[in-house]
Amino acid sequence: MTQSPPFAPPSAALADVVSDSRSLHAGALHWVGMHAIELPLRIDAGGEPFRVPGKVSAYVDLADAGARGIHMSRLYRACDDILGSEAVSHASLERLLDAFLQSHAGLSTRARLRLQFELPLRRPSLLSGLHGWRQYPVRIDAQRDGDATRIEAEVQVLYSSTCPGSAALARQLVQQRHARDFGMRDEAAANAEIAAWLGAQDALCATPHAQRSLATVRVRWTPEARAVPLVALVDTVEAALMTPVQAAVKRIDEQEFARLNGENPMYCEDAARRIRAALEAETSVADYWIRAAHLESLHPHDAVAVAVRGVAGGFVADIE
């Protein structure tokens, strides 16, 4: 006896409820789409493009007030086709937004896209010549509204911040310890003793507090900037702060890191201003939003500073 297959294809065309039905409650919707689609993304970091795991969110508006819904599978296929074959750039993102709207002609007038991934960069140590991997969280937002396209990128950079106030208080205690141990001694006789004393554990009786800190920077490039220069943006932020966290280190690197922290103490306000000055010098940056957060070791709360460029229609000074 021959058994029937577990599933028999229908003899008629498959039902399409979205296309055949009108909405029971009519009304346009601002955004409809798919959130956090799992897709590998091709990233160009200045060499051969490579793939990284990513999350893609794709949306269009539902301008047709009577339509039941959009064609979500069309959004997915467009993301898979374009992001699967092209590196992330202004051109590929614009093509993807165009594909969203072309596949929803008559339904939608606006499109938006968000890419989230970790950017792996191999970074050199400070002095020893070692190299190690760092992962930088990245978010890219693109939106098409009529003829206007806006593309923005956000990167997060970890760095170390040494508190200037704490450093001053620590120096004061070291001065007091020095006066207690040496008093009014003959200068010539004391020099060798002072040098030895500075290397003793008791001499450094207080240290300033420092903490791992996080700079979150969003930028909008000028229309002439056709690339998405993520590595250059990370380099600009790290150079401005001067104390990015390290991957592979030897003792010589750790000592250099201590020197950089000692010579560059900064409050969160200082960090935000340093980044702002660096971005102001970049002619390809049209607008920016900066958030410097110092994850305090003294307090159970964070110290945060925010800055924007202040251009018309640009980023607003939200705290997050």
Protein backbone atom coordinates (compact mmCIF):
# COMPACT_ATOMS: atom_id res chain seq x y z
CA MET A 1 0.00 0.00 0.00
CA THR A 2 1.46 3.32 -1.06
CA GLN A 3 1.43 6.02 1.64
CA SER A 4 0.50 9.58 0.82
CA PRO A 5 3.27 12.18 1.20
CA PRO A 6 3.10 14.10 4.50
CA PHE A 7 2.39 17.31 2.59
CA ALA A 8 0.67 17.76 -0.74
CA PRO A 9 1.10 21.10 -2.57
CA PRO A 10 -2.14 23.03 -3.00
CA SER A 11 -3.80 22.96 -6.37
CA ALA A 12 -4.70 26.64 -6.20
CA ALA A 13 -2.49 29.68 -5.74
CA LEU A 14 -1.35 30.27 -2.16
CA ALA A 15 -3.47 32.73 -0.23
CA ASP A 16 -2.02 36.20 0.32
CA VAL A 17 -3.94 37.73 3.19
CA VAL A 18 -1.90 40.93 3.23
CA SER A 19 -2.49 41.72 -0.45
CA ASP A 20 -6.10 40.56 -0.57
CA SER A 21 -7.33 42.21 2.62
CA ARG A 22 -7.90 45.76 3.67
CA SER A 23 -7.11 46.82 7.20
CA LEU A 24 -9.96 46.51 9.69
CA HIS A 25 -8.68 49.69 11.34
CA ALA A 26 -7.43 52.01 8.62
CA GLY A 27 -4.54 54.37 9.25
CA ALA A 28 -1.00 55.03 8.13
CA LEU A 29 1.89 53.74 10.26
CA HIS A 30 5.21 55.49 10.78
CA TRP A 31 7.45 52.41 10.56
CA VAL A 32 6.90 48.72 9.88
CA GLY A 33 9.66 46.21 9.33
CA MET A 34 12.05 43.61 10.70
CA HIS A 35 14.29 44.09 13.74
CA ALA A 36 17.72 42.50 14.26
CA ILE A 37 17.93 40.27 11.18
CA GLU A 38 20.98 38.00 11.51
CA LEU A 39 23.24 38.64 8.51
CA PRO A 40 26.99 38.59 7.86
CA LEU A 41 28.20 42.02 6.80
CA ARG A 42 31.11 42.85 4.48
CA ILE A 43 33.31 45.52 6.05
CA ASP A 44 36.10 47.44 4.34
CA ALA A 45 38.63 48.50 6.98
CA GLY A 46 41.19 49.79 4.51
CA GLY A 47 42.32 46.45 3.12
CA GLU A 48 40.59 43.36 1.80
CA PRO A 49 36.89 43.47 2.82
CA PHE A 50 36.01 40.85 5.44
CA ARG A 51 32.81 39.49 6.92
CA VAL A 52 31.56 40.03 10.47
CA PRO A 53 28.37 38.77 12.14
CA GLY A 54 25.79 41.54 12.18
CA LYS A 55 22.24 42.48 13.06
CA VAL A 56 20.23 44.43 10.49
CA SER A 57 16.95 46.24 11.14
CA ALA A 58 14.95 47.23 8.05
CA TYR A 59 11.84 49.42 7.96
CA VAL A 60 9.53 51.32 5.64
CA ASP A 61 6.57 53.46 6.50
CA LEU A 62 3.05 52.27 5.66
CA ALA A 63 1.75 55.37 3.90
CA ASP A 64 -1.26 53.62 2.37
CA ALA A 65 -3.74 54.07 5.19
CA GLY A 66 -5.97 51.24 3.99
CA ALA A 67 -3.31 48.60 3.37
CA ARG A 68 -3.14 45.66 5.76
CA GLY A 69 0.65 45.52 5.88
CA ILE A 70 3.97 45.57 4.06
CA HIS A 71 5.95 42.79 2.31
CA MET A 72 8.54 41.94 4.95
CA SER A 73 10.14 39.16 2.94
CA ARG A 74 11.05 41.74 0.29
CA LEU A 75 13.00 43.70 2.88
CA TYR A 76 14.88 40.56 3.89
CA ARG A 77 15.73 39.59 0.32
CA ALA A 78 17.02 43.08 -0.45
CA CYS A 79 19.26 43.02 2.64
CA ASP A 80 20.54 39.56 1.77
CA ASP A 81 21.21 40.45 -1.87
CA ILE A 82 22.98 43.78 -1.39
CA LEU A 83 24.69 43.38 1.98
CA GLY A 84 25.68 39.85 1.05
CA SER A 85 27.59 40.95 -2.05
CA GLU A 86 28.77 44.51 -1.33
CA ALA A 87 30.85 46.08 1.40
CA VAL A 88 29.06 48.56 3.63
CA SER A 89 29.39 52.02 2.07
CA HIS A 90 27.28 55.07 1.34
CA ALA A 91 26.56 53.69 -2.13
CA SER A 92 25.48 50.22 -0.98
CA LEU A 93 23.29 51.65 1.79
CA GLU A 94 21.62 54.04 -0.64
CA ARG A 95 20.96 51.17 -3.06
CA LEU A 96 19.41 49.17 -0.26
CA LEU A 97 17.09 52.00 0.75
CA ASP A 98 16.09 52.39 -2.91
CA ALA A 99 15.33 48.67 -3.10
CA PHE A 100 13.08 48.91 -0.02
CA LEU A 101 11.01 51.67 -1.63
CA GLN A 102 10.92 50.15 -5.12
CA SER A 103 9.61 46.89 -3.68
CA HIS A 104 6.93 48.83 -1.78
CA ALA A 105 5.82 51.25 -4.50
CA GLY A 106 2.37 52.54 -3.69
CA LEU A 107 2.67 51.47 -0.05
CA SER A 108 5.67 53.39 1.32
CA THR A 109 7.42 56.71 0.89
CA ARG A 110 10.23 56.45 3.47
CA ALA A 111 12.79 53.79 4.38
CA ARG A 112 15.30 53.29 7.14
CA LEU A 113 18.03 50.84 8.03
CA ARG A 114 20.19 50.03 11.06
CA LEU A 115 23.33 47.87 11.07
CA GLN A 116 24.96 46.71 14.32
CA PHE A 117 28.18 44.74 14.58
CA GLU A 118 31.57 44.49 16.27
CA LEU A 119 34.50 45.90 14.30
CA PRO A 120 37.60 43.74 14.92
CA LEU A 121 40.86 45.68 14.68
CA ARG A 122 44.38 44.44 15.35
CA ARG A 123 46.06 47.14 17.42
CA PRO A 124 49.74 47.58 18.27
CA SER A 125 51.01 47.81 21.83
CA LEU A 126 52.48 51.09 23.03
CA LEU A 127 56.18 50.21 22.92
CA SER A 128 56.95 46.48 22.81
CA GLY A 129 55.79 45.73 19.27
CA LEU A 130 53.14 43.24 20.34
CA HIS A 131 49.75 43.25 18.64
CA GLY A 132 46.35 42.26 19.95
CA TRP A 133 42.72 42.26 18.83
CA ARG A 134 40.14 44.80 19.95
CA GLN A 135 36.42 44.75 19.19
CA TYR A 136 34.66 48.09 18.69
CA PRO A 137 30.84 48.14 18.80
CA VAL A 138 29.46 49.93 15.73
CA ARG A 139 26.00 51.09 14.73
CA ILE A 140 25.17 52.55 11.32
CA ASP A 141 21.84 54.26 10.62
CA ALA A 142 20.60 55.20 7.16
CA GLN A 143 17.28 56.83 6.24
CA ARG A 144 15.64 57.90 2.99
CA ASP A 145 12.91 60.53 3.16
CA GLY A 146 11.91 61.81 -0.27
CA ASP A 147 15.09 62.84 -2.07
CA ALA A 148 17.05 63.24 1.17
CA THR A 149 19.31 60.47 2.46
CA ARG A 150 20.96 60.62 5.88
CA ILE A 151 23.73 58.20 6.93
CA GLU A 152 25.17 58.21 10.44
CA ALA A 153 27.62 55.98 12.31
CA GLU A 154 28.29 55.39 15.98
CA VAL A 155 31.39 53.80 17.50
CA GLN A 156 32.26 53.00 21.10
CA VAL A 157 35.83 53.38 22.35
CA LEU A 158 37.09 52.21 25.75
CA TYR A 159 39.78 54.27 27.45
CA SER A 160 41.29 54.89 30.86
CA SER A 161 40.67 58.12 32.77
CA THR A 162 42.65 59.30 35.77
CA CYS A 163 40.90 61.84 37.99
CA PRO A 164 42.77 65.22 38.08
CA GLY A 165 41.40 66.07 41.53
CA SER A 166 42.43 62.72 42.95
CA ALA A 167 45.87 63.09 41.37
CA ALA A 168 46.36 66.47 43.08
CA LEU A 169 45.31 65.04 46.45
CA ALA A 170 47.67 62.09 46.00
CA ARG A 171 50.58 64.41 45.18
CA GLN A 172 49.86 66.38 48.34
CA LEU A 173 50.12 63.24 50.47
CA VAL A 174 53.39 62.27 48.78
CA GLN A 175 54.75 65.76 49.57
CA GLN A 176 53.77 65.35 53.20
CA ARG A 177 55.42 61.92 53.38
CA HIS A 178 58.57 63.35 51.81
CA ALA A 179 58.71 66.17 54.36
CA ARG A 180 58.23 63.70 57.20
CA ASP A 181 61.00 61.37 56.05
CA PHE A 182 63.59 63.96 55.01
CA GLY A 183 62.90 67.24 56.74
CA MET A 184 65.74 69.77 56.44
CA ARG A 185 68.67 67.69 55.25
CA ASP A 186 71.83 68.67 53.44
CA GLU A 187 70.87 68.77 49.74
CA ALA A 188 73.94 66.97 48.42
CA ALA A 189 73.64 64.15 50.94
CA ALA A 190 69.91 63.83 50.41
CA ASN A 191 69.85 63.41 46.62
CA ALA A 192 70.88 59.75 46.62
CA GLU A 193 68.59 59.03 49.53
CA ILE A 194 65.67 60.72 47.78
CA ALA A 195 66.26 58.70 44.63
CA ALA A 196 66.21 55.49 46.64
CA TRP A 197 63.19 56.68 48.64
CA LEU A 198 61.18 57.36 45.47
CA GLY A 199 61.62 53.74 44.45
CA ALA A 200 60.40 52.37 47.77
CA GLN A 201 56.84 51.17 48.27
CA ASP A 202 56.30 53.53 51.21
CA ALA A 203 57.04 56.63 49.13
CA LEU A 204 53.96 56.27 46.92
CA CYS A 205 51.58 56.48 49.87
CA ALA A 206 48.61 57.53 47.72
CA THR A 207 47.56 56.99 44.12
CA PRO A 208 44.87 58.79 42.11
CA HIS A 209 41.79 56.81 41.25
CA ALA A 210 41.36 55.82 37.62
CA GLN A 211 38.66 53.90 35.83
CA ARG A 212 37.74 52.26 32.57
CA SER A 213 35.73 54.80 30.58
CA LEU A 214 33.55 54.72 27.47
CA ALA A 215 33.36 57.24 24.66
CA THR A 216 30.32 56.90 22.40
CA VAL A 217 30.62 59.00 19.26
CA ARG A 218 28.05 59.45 16.49
CA VAL A 219 28.94 61.26 13.31
CA ARG A 220 27.20 62.35 10.16
CA TRP A 221 29.57 62.80 7.24
CA THR A 222 29.41 65.45 4.55
CA PRO A 223 27.81 64.46 1.20
CA GLU A 224 31.27 64.31 -0.38
CA ALA A 225 32.37 61.51 1.99
CA ARG A 226 31.27 58.42 0.09
CA ALA A 227 33.06 55.90 2.30
CA VAL A 228 32.13 54.84 5.82
CA PRO A 229 35.55 55.47 7.44
CA LEU A 230 35.06 53.58 10.70
CA VAL A 231 38.76 52.87 11.33
CA ALA A 232 39.64 56.52 10.82
CA LEU A 233 36.91 57.51 13.28
CA VAL A 234 38.22 55.08 15.93
CA ASP A 235 41.78 56.34 15.37
CA THR A 236 40.67 59.95 15.73
CA VAL A 237 38.91 59.31 19.03
CA GLU A 238 41.75 57.24 20.50
CA ALA A 239 44.37 59.80 19.48
CA ALA A 240 42.37 62.57 21.11
CA LEU A 241 41.99 60.69 24.40
CA MET A 242 45.58 59.33 24.42
CA THR A 243 44.78 56.50 26.87
CA PRO A 244 42.80 53.83 24.96
CA VAL A 245 42.71 50.44 26.66
CA GLN A 246 45.31 47.93 25.49
CA ALA A 247 45.15 44.31 24.32
CA ALA A 248 48.55 42.54 24.39
CA VAL A 249 51.12 44.19 26.68
CA LYS A 250 54.51 43.65 28.28
CA ARG A 251 55.74 45.49 31.35
CA ILE A 252 57.25 48.22 29.19
CA ASP A 253 53.80 48.81 27.68
CA GLU A 254 52.16 48.85 31.10
CA GLN A 255 54.69 51.40 32.31
CA GLU A 256 54.05 53.56 29.24
CA PHE A 257 50.31 53.28 29.88
CA ALA A 258 50.91 54.48 33.45
CA ARG A 259 52.91 57.43 32.12
CA LEU A 260 50.20 58.40 29.65
CA ASN A 261 47.57 58.26 32.37
CA GLY A 262 49.75 60.29 34.73
CA GLU A 263 50.41 62.97 32.11
CA ASN A 264 46.81 63.09 30.84
CA PRO A 265 44.45 63.16 33.82
CA MET A 266 40.94 64.11 32.73
CA TYR A 267 37.42 64.57 33.92
CA CYS A 268 34.60 63.46 31.64
CA GLU A 269 34.25 67.12 30.62
CA ASP A 270 37.89 67.13 29.47
CA ALA A 271 37.39 63.92 27.49
CA ALA A 272 34.30 65.24 25.69
CA ARG A 273 36.11 68.46 24.79
CA ARG A 274 39.16 66.59 23.49
CA ILE A 275 37.00 64.49 21.18
CA ARG A 276 35.05 67.56 20.06
CA ALA A 277 38.24 69.42 19.13
CA ALA A 278 39.43 66.42 17.12
CA LEU A 279 36.14 66.08 15.22
CA GLU A 280 35.99 69.82 14.53
CA ALA A 281 39.28 69.43 12.70
CA GLU A 282 37.87 66.69 10.42
CA THR A 283 36.50 68.36 7.28
CA SER A 284 34.51 65.23 6.33
CA VAL A 285 32.43 65.36 9.54
CA ALA A 286 29.25 67.42 9.17
CA ASP A 287 27.82 66.77 12.62
CA TYR A 288 28.59 64.79 15.78
CA TRP A 289 27.20 63.63 19.12
CA ILE A 290 29.67 62.78 21.88
CA ARG A 291 29.08 61.02 25.20
CA ALA A 292 32.03 60.51 27.54
CA ALA A 293 31.16 58.25 30.48
CA HIS A 294 33.63 57.64 33.31
CA LEU A 295 32.62 54.46 35.16
CA GLU A 296 33.73 55.75 38.53
CA SER A 297 35.87 53.69 40.90
CA LEU A 298 35.23 56.20 43.71
CA HIS A 299 31.44 56.31 43.31
CA PRO A 300 28.75 53.74 42.48
CA HIS A 301 27.50 56.01 39.69
CA ASP A 302 29.00 57.24 36.43
CA ALA A 303 30.21 60.72 35.50
CA VAL A 304 28.94 61.71 32.03
CA ALA A 305 29.46 64.62 29.63
CA VAL A 306 27.60 65.14 26.33
CA ALA A 307 28.39 67.48 23.44
CA VAL A 308 26.91 68.10 19.98
CA ARG A 309 27.99 70.38 17.17
CA GLY A 310 24.74 72.31 17.23
CA VAL A 311 23.91 72.47 13.52
CA ALA A 312 20.35 73.09 12.33
CA GLY A 313 18.50 69.80 11.94
CA GLY A 314 21.43 67.90 13.41
CA PHE A 315 22.02 65.84 16.52
CA VAL A 316 20.34 67.01 19.71
CA ALA A 317 22.01 66.90 23.09
CA ASP A 318 20.25 63.81 24.45
CA ILE A 319 22.06 62.12 27.32
CA GLU A 320 21.85 58.71 25.63
